[in-house]
C-alpha atoms as a PDB file:
ATOM      1  CA  MET A   1      29.457  21.628 -15.509  1.00  0.00           C
ATOM      2  CA  VAL A   2      25.931  21.488 -14.291  1.00  0.00           C
ATOM      3  CA  ASP A   3      25.010  23.393 -11.261  1.00  0.00           C
ATOM      4  CA  ILE A   4      22.510  21.237  -9.689  1.00  0.00           C
ATOM      5  CA  VAL A   5      21.214  23.719  -7.224  1.00  0.00           C
ATOM      6  CA  GLN A   6      20.105  25.832 -10.592  1.00  0.00           C
ATOM      7  CA  GLN A   7      18.665  22.662 -12.040  1.00  0.00           C
ATOM      8  CA  ILE A   8      16.476  21.910  -8.750  1.00  0.00           C
ATOM      9  CA  ALA A   9      15.678  25.680  -8.711  1.00  0.00           C
ATOM     10  CA  HIS A  10      14.948  25.632 -12.246  1.00  0.00           C
ATOM     11  CA  TRP A  11      12.544  22.147 -11.836  1.00  0.00           C
ATOM     12  CA  ARG A  12      11.234  23.496  -8.580  1.00  0.00           C
ATOM     13  CA  ASP A  13      10.352  26.830  -9.732  1.00  0.00           C
ATOM     14  CA  GLY A  14       8.583  25.773 -13.153  1.00  0.00           C
ATOM     15  CA  ALA A  15       6.301  23.085 -11.156  1.00  0.00           C
ATOM     16  CA  ARG A  16       5.224  25.552  -8.731  1.00  0.00           C
ATOM     17  CA  GLU A  17       4.043  27.855 -12.287  1.00  0.00           C
ATOM     18  CA  GLU A  18       2.689  24.996 -14.045  1.00  0.00           C
ATOM     19  CA  TRP A  19       0.438  24.076 -10.852  1.00  0.00           C
ATOM     20  CA  GLN A  20      -0.831  27.690 -10.696  1.00  0.00           C
ATOM     21  CA  VAL A  21      -1.547  28.071 -14.505  1.00  0.00           C
ATOM     22  CA  ALA A  22      -3.841  24.536 -13.701  1.00  0.00           C
ATOM     23  CA  THR A  23      -5.547  25.802 -10.760  1.00  0.00           C
ATOM     24  CA  GLU A  24      -6.697  28.829 -12.645  1.00  0.00           C
ATOM     25  CA  LEU A  25      -7.382  26.751 -15.242  1.00  0.00           C
ATOM     26  CA  LEU A  26      -9.664  24.297 -13.197  1.00  0.00           C
ATOM     27  CA  GLU A  27     -11.852  27.249 -11.557  1.00  0.00           C
ATOM     28  CA  LYS A  28     -12.150  28.499 -14.799  1.00  0.00           C
ATOM     29  CA  GLY A  29     -13.879  24.936 -15.797  1.00  0.00           C
ATOM     30  CA  ARG A  30     -11.153  24.201 -18.147  1.00  0.00           C
ATOM     31  CA  ILE A  31     -10.535  20.641 -17.000  1.00  0.00           C
ATOM     32  CA  ARG A  32      -8.826  19.107 -20.118  1.00  0.00           C
ATOM     33  CA  HIS A  33      -6.098  22.101 -19.976  1.00  0.00           C
ATOM     34  CA  ALA A  34      -5.869  21.925 -16.680  1.00  0.00           C
ATOM     35  CA  LEU A  35      -4.920  18.497 -16.793  1.00  0.00           C
ATOM     36  CA  PHE A  36      -2.198  19.080 -19.046  1.00  0.00           C
ATOM     37  CA  PHE A  37      -0.705  21.908 -16.818  1.00  0.00           C
ATOM     38  CA  THR A  38      -1.102  19.305 -13.664  1.00  0.00           C
ATOM     39  CA  HIS A  39       0.615  17.083 -15.805  1.00  0.00           C
ATOM     40  CA  ARG A  40       3.382  19.329 -16.584  1.00  0.00           C
ATOM     41  CA  ALA A  41       3.674  20.500 -12.925  1.00  0.00           C
ATOM     42  CA  LEU A  42       3.843  17.137 -11.611  1.00  0.00           C
ATOM     43  CA  GLU A  43       7.089  16.100 -14.345  1.00  0.00           C
ATOM     44  CA  LYS A  44       8.723  19.395 -13.164  1.00  0.00           C
ATOM     45  CA  ALA A  45       8.551  18.287  -9.545  1.00  0.00           C
ATOM     46  CA  LEU A  46       9.499  14.668  -9.829  1.00  0.00           C
ATOM     47  CA  LYS A  47      12.457  15.879 -12.239  1.00  0.00           C
ATOM     48  CA  ALA A  48      13.388  18.630  -9.210  1.00  0.00           C
ATOM     49  CA  HIS A  49      13.269  16.127  -7.147  1.00  0.00           C
ATOM     50  CA  VAL A  50      15.767  13.592  -8.826  1.00  0.00           C
ATOM     51  CA  CYS A  51      18.192  16.150  -9.102  1.00  0.00           C
ATOM     52  CA  ARG A  52      18.079  16.624  -5.390  1.00  0.00           C
ATOM     53  CA  HIS A  53      18.547  12.945  -4.686  1.00  0.00           C
ATOM     54  CA  THR A  54      20.942  12.000  -7.470  1.00  0.00           C
ATOM     55  CA  GLY A  55      23.146  15.298  -7.633  1.00  0.00           C
ATOM     56  CA  ASP A  56      22.590  14.679 -11.725  1.00  0.00           C
ATOM     57  CA  LEU A  57      20.748  15.951 -14.448  1.00  0.00           C
ATOM     58  CA  ALA A  58      17.023  14.629 -14.438  1.00  0.00           C
ATOM     59  CA  PRO A  59      15.618  12.410 -16.919  1.00  0.00           C
ATOM     60  CA  ARG A  60      14.571  13.377 -20.501  1.00  0.00           C
ATOM     61  CA  THR A  61      11.329  11.714 -20.614  1.00  0.00           C
ATOM     62  CA  HIS A  62       7.649  12.447 -19.765  1.00  0.00           C
ATOM     63  CA  ASN A  63       6.119   9.544 -19.254  1.00  0.00           C
ATOM     64  CA  LEU A  64       4.840   9.512 -15.667  1.00  0.00           C
ATOM     65  CA  ALA A  65       2.841   6.347 -16.011  1.00  0.00           C
ATOM     66  CA  ARG A  66       6.100   4.308 -16.006  1.00  0.00           C
ATOM     67  CA  LEU A  67       7.505   6.353 -13.157  1.00  0.00           C
ATOM     68  CA  LEU A  68       4.738   5.314 -11.592  1.00  0.00           C
ATOM     69  CA  GLU A  69       4.785   1.517 -12.839  1.00  0.00           C
ATOM     70  CA  ILE A  70       8.575   1.523 -11.233  1.00  0.00           C
ATOM     71  CA  LEU A  71       7.108   2.541  -7.623  1.00  0.00           C
ATOM     72  CA  PHE A  72       4.276   0.886  -7.239  1.00  0.00           C
ATOM     73  CA  ASP A  73       5.763  -2.535  -8.535  1.00  0.00           C
ATOM     74  CA  PRO A  74       8.250  -3.540  -5.326  1.00  0.00           C
ATOM     75  CA  THR A  75      10.200  -5.866  -7.781  1.00  0.00           C
ATOM     76  CA  HIS A  76      10.625  -4.027 -10.823  1.00  0.00           C
ATOM     77  CA  GLN A  77      14.288  -3.666 -11.270  1.00  0.00           C
ATOM     78  CA  GLU A  78      14.153   0.019 -10.892  1.00  0.00           C
ATOM     79  CA  PHE A  79      12.055   0.303  -7.687  1.00  0.00           C
ATOM     80  CA  GLU A  80      14.598   1.053  -4.959  1.00  0.00           C
ATOM     81  CA  ASP A  81      16.093   3.684  -6.957  1.00  0.00           C
ATOM     82  CA  SER A  82      12.818   5.200  -7.457  1.00  0.00           C
ATOM     83  CA  ARG A  83      11.792   4.982  -4.030  1.00  0.00           C
ATOM     84  CA  ARG A  84      14.569   6.760  -2.699  1.00  0.00           C
ATOM     85  CA  CYS A  85      13.934   9.659  -5.637  1.00  0.00           C
ATOM     86  CA  VAL A  86      10.851  10.065  -4.489  1.00  0.00           C
ATOM     87  CA  GLY A  87      11.618   9.961  -0.439  1.00  0.00           C
ATOM     88  CA  PRO A  88      10.384   7.786   2.532  1.00  0.00           C
ATOM     89  CA  ALA A  89       6.712   9.258   2.408  1.00  0.00           C
ATOM     90  CA  PHE A  90       5.575   7.915  -0.263  1.00  0.00           C
ATOM     91  CA  GLU A  91       3.466   5.011   0.179  1.00  0.00           C
ATOM     92  CA  PRO A  92       1.864   3.518  -3.053  1.00  0.00           C
ATOM     93  CA  GLU A  93       0.175   1.209  -0.718  1.00  0.00           C
ATOM     94  CA  ARG A  94      -2.069   4.090   0.768  1.00  0.00           C
ATOM     95  CA  PHE A  95      -3.151   5.545  -2.984  1.00  0.00           C
ATOM     96  CA  ASP A  96      -6.884   5.534  -2.579  1.00  0.00           C
ATOM     97  CA  LEU A  97      -8.226   5.350  -6.472  1.00  0.00           C
ATOM     98  CA  ARG A  98     -11.578   5.445  -5.498  1.00  0.00           C
ATOM     99  CA  ARG A  99     -10.915   8.540  -3.515  1.00  0.00           C
ATOM    100  CA  VAL A 100      -9.025   9.996  -6.618  1.00  0.00           C
ATOM    101  CA  LYS A 101     -11.961   9.045  -8.792  1.00  0.00           C
ATOM    102  CA  GLN A 102     -14.590  10.672  -6.445  1.00  0.00           C
ATOM    103  CA  GLN A 103     -12.736  13.795  -6.194  1.00  0.00           C
ATOM    104  CA  LEU A 104     -12.126  14.084  -9.801  1.00  0.00           C
ATOM    105  CA  GLY A 105     -16.010  13.492 -10.548  1.00  0.00           C
ATOM    106  CA  ARG A 106     -16.503  16.690  -8.907  1.00  0.00           C
ATOM    107  CA  TRP A 107     -15.361  18.454 -11.527  1.00  0.00           C
END
C-alpha cells in the first residue's frame, strides 16, 4: 500500500531542492540549466499537489504543456479535475504573458 503522506513529502521536498538549484544556476547566469531545473521543480510541485488532492499517486508525465493546456481551456474534458488539483487560487485569466516575457528578458 502506498503512503500518500510520504509521496507528498517526496515530491514537495524534491521541488524545493530543484528550485534551490535553479535559483543558484540563474544567479550564475546559467539560464538554460536554470530553466531545466525550474521545469523539474514545477513538475514535482504539481505532482505533490495532485497526490494531496487525489489521495493517489501522481501521473507519470513530464508534460507541463499538457497540464497547462487543460488548465487554460475550460471546455477541455479534464479542466475541472485539473482545477481541483491546483486549487481555487489559480486563475488563468490573470496570467500576464507580457509581464512574464518582460521579466525573462532581464536575464
